[in-house]
Amino acid sequence: MADEQKVAPKAEQTPEELEAMKNKMKPKKKKPTLPADMLSDAKSYDDKLMLVKFLTEKEKGRVVLMVKNMLRGISDPKKK
C-alpha cells in the first residue's frame, strides 16, 4: 500500500523562508523610462508620431486611463 502514502507539505517554515517565497513569486514591476532628450527632440510630425507609438506600446494602462479621462471630459463639460 505504498501508493496510498502521500507526502505532506512542510508545515513548519520559518517567517524568513515564507518572506523569501513571497518575494520570489511577486512580479517585478519595471517602469519604462522615456528619455528626456526624446521629448525635447521631437520637432517634426513623424518624430512626435513615433514618440506617441512608443508611449502607447510601453504604457498601455496609462494611455487608456488618459483617453478615458479625456472622453469623460468631452461627454460632460460642465462637470469639473
C-alpha atoms as a PDB file:
ATOM      1  CA  MET A   1       0.000   0.000   0.000  1.00  0.00           C
ATOM      2  CA  ALA A   2       2.858   2.367  -0.723  1.00  0.00           C
ATOM      3  CA  ASP A   3       0.735   4.055  -3.392  1.00  0.00           C
ATOM      4  CA  GLU A   4      -1.622   5.420  -0.739  1.00  0.00           C
ATOM      5  CA  GLN A   5       1.097   7.262   1.148  1.00  0.00           C
ATOM      6  CA  LYS A   6       1.003  10.963   0.472  1.00  0.00           C
ATOM      7  CA  VAL A   7       3.739  13.428   1.059  1.00  0.00           C
ATOM      8  CA  ALA A   8       2.522  16.166   3.380  1.00  0.00           C
ATOM      9  CA  PRO A   9       3.663  19.711   2.681  1.00  0.00           C
ATOM     10  CA  LYS A  10       6.220  21.128   5.038  1.00  0.00           C
ATOM     11  CA  ALA A  11       4.094  22.760   7.730  1.00  0.00           C
ATOM     12  CA  GLU A  12       6.840  24.395   9.738  1.00  0.00           C
ATOM     13  CA  GLN A  13       8.591  27.055   7.736  1.00  0.00           C
ATOM     14  CA  THR A  14      10.327  30.000   9.232  1.00  0.00           C
ATOM     15  CA  PRO A  15       8.989  33.504   8.558  1.00  0.00           C
ATOM     16  CA  GLU A  16      12.169  34.269   6.625  1.00  0.00           C
ATOM     17  CA  GLU A  17      11.530  31.351   4.282  1.00  0.00           C
ATOM     18  CA  LEU A  18       7.932  32.434   3.761  1.00  0.00           C
ATOM     19  CA  GLU A  19       9.005  36.018   3.066  1.00  0.00           C
ATOM     20  CA  ALA A  20      11.622  34.786   0.595  1.00  0.00           C
ATOM     21  CA  MET A  21       8.985  32.698  -1.192  1.00  0.00           C
ATOM     22  CA  LYS A  22       6.623  35.701  -1.357  1.00  0.00           C
ATOM     23  CA  ASN A  23       9.345  37.897  -2.816  1.00  0.00           C
ATOM     24  CA  LYS A  24      10.245  35.244  -5.369  1.00  0.00           C
ATOM     25  CA  MET A  25       6.609  34.940  -6.514  1.00  0.00           C
ATOM     26  CA  LYS A  26       5.929  38.686  -6.579  1.00  0.00           C
ATOM     27  CA  PRO A  27       6.008  40.091 -10.104  1.00  0.00           C
ATOM     28  CA  LYS A  28       8.719  42.648 -10.619  1.00  0.00           C
ATOM     29  CA  LYS A  29       7.485  45.971 -11.873  1.00  0.00           C
ATOM     30  CA  LYS A  30       9.728  47.702 -14.309  1.00  0.00           C
ATOM     31  CA  LYS A  31       8.682  51.201 -15.098  1.00  0.00           C
ATOM     32  CA  PRO A  32       9.652  52.013 -18.642  1.00  0.00           C
ATOM     33  CA  THR A  33      11.611  55.190 -18.886  1.00  0.00           C
ATOM     34  CA  LEU A  34      11.282  57.746 -21.580  1.00  0.00           C
ATOM     35  CA  PRO A  35      14.494  59.626 -22.250  1.00  0.00           C
ATOM     36  CA  ALA A  36      14.134  63.374 -21.717  1.00  0.00           C
ATOM     37  CA  ASP A  37      16.049  64.137 -24.900  1.00  0.00           C
ATOM     38  CA  MET A  38      13.431  62.167 -26.825  1.00  0.00           C
ATOM     39  CA  LEU A  39      10.739  64.559 -25.632  1.00  0.00           C
ATOM     40  CA  SER A  40      12.701  67.685 -26.426  1.00  0.00           C
ATOM     41  CA  ASP A  41      13.977  66.440 -29.800  1.00  0.00           C
ATOM     42  CA  ALA A  42      10.541  65.570 -31.208  1.00  0.00           C
ATOM     43  CA  LYS A  43      10.175  68.536 -33.571  1.00  0.00           C
ATOM     44  CA  SER A  44       8.604  67.047 -36.682  1.00  0.00           C
ATOM     45  CA  TYR A  45       5.268  65.297 -37.018  1.00  0.00           C
ATOM     46  CA  ASP A  46       6.983  61.968 -37.691  1.00  0.00           C
ATOM     47  CA  ASP A  47       9.091  62.269 -34.540  1.00  0.00           C
ATOM     48  CA  LYS A  48       6.034  63.055 -32.447  1.00  0.00           C
ATOM     49  CA  LEU A  49       4.116  60.188 -34.016  1.00  0.00           C
ATOM     50  CA  MET A  50       6.963  57.796 -33.222  1.00  0.00           C
ATOM     51  CA  LEU A  51       7.003  59.062 -29.640  1.00  0.00           C
ATOM     52  CA  VAL A  52       3.250  58.505 -29.236  1.00  0.00           C
ATOM     53  CA  LYS A  53       3.572  54.990 -30.658  1.00  0.00           C
ATOM     54  CA  PHE A  54       6.388  54.262 -28.231  1.00  0.00           C
ATOM     55  CA  LEU A  55       4.340  55.534 -25.288  1.00  0.00           C
ATOM     56  CA  THR A  56       1.250  53.543 -26.216  1.00  0.00           C
ATOM     57  CA  GLU A  57       3.317  50.405 -26.651  1.00  0.00           C
ATOM     58  CA  LYS A  58       5.157  50.695 -23.344  1.00  0.00           C
ATOM     59  CA  GLU A  59       2.494  52.186 -21.071  1.00  0.00           C
ATOM     60  CA  LYS A  60      -0.853  50.945 -22.309  1.00  0.00           C
ATOM     61  CA  GLY A  61      -2.623  51.325 -18.979  1.00  0.00           C
ATOM     62  CA  ARG A  62      -1.677  54.957 -18.561  1.00  0.00           C
ATOM     63  CA  VAL A  63      -2.684  55.801 -22.125  1.00  0.00           C
ATOM     64  CA  VAL A  64      -6.061  54.093 -21.718  1.00  0.00           C
ATOM     65  CA  LEU A  65      -6.683  55.997 -18.490  1.00  0.00           C
ATOM     66  CA  MET A  66      -5.734  59.284 -20.143  1.00  0.00           C
ATOM     67  CA  VAL A  67      -8.074  58.676 -23.105  1.00  0.00           C
ATOM     68  CA  LYS A  68     -10.912  57.675 -20.757  1.00  0.00           C
ATOM     69  CA  ASN A  69     -10.457  60.887 -18.787  1.00  0.00           C
ATOM     70  CA  MET A  70     -10.374  62.935 -21.995  1.00  0.00           C
ATOM     71  CA  LEU A  71     -13.588  61.314 -23.244  1.00  0.00           C
ATOM     72  CA  ARG A  72     -15.229  61.758 -19.873  1.00  0.00           C
ATOM     73  CA  GLY A  73     -14.378  65.466 -20.053  1.00  0.00           C
ATOM     74  CA  ILE A  74     -15.884  65.765 -23.545  1.00  0.00           C
ATOM     75  CA  SER A  75     -19.109  63.992 -22.611  1.00  0.00           C
ATOM     76  CA  ASP A  76     -19.694  66.133 -19.507  1.00  0.00           C
ATOM     77  CA  PRO A  77     -18.087  69.569 -19.998  1.00  0.00           C
ATOM     78  CA  LYS A  78     -19.964  71.202 -17.068  1.00  0.00           C
ATOM     79  CA  LYS A  79     -18.567  68.780 -14.507  1.00  0.00           C
ATOM     80  CA  LYS A  80     -15.102  69.743 -13.267  1.00  0.00           C
END
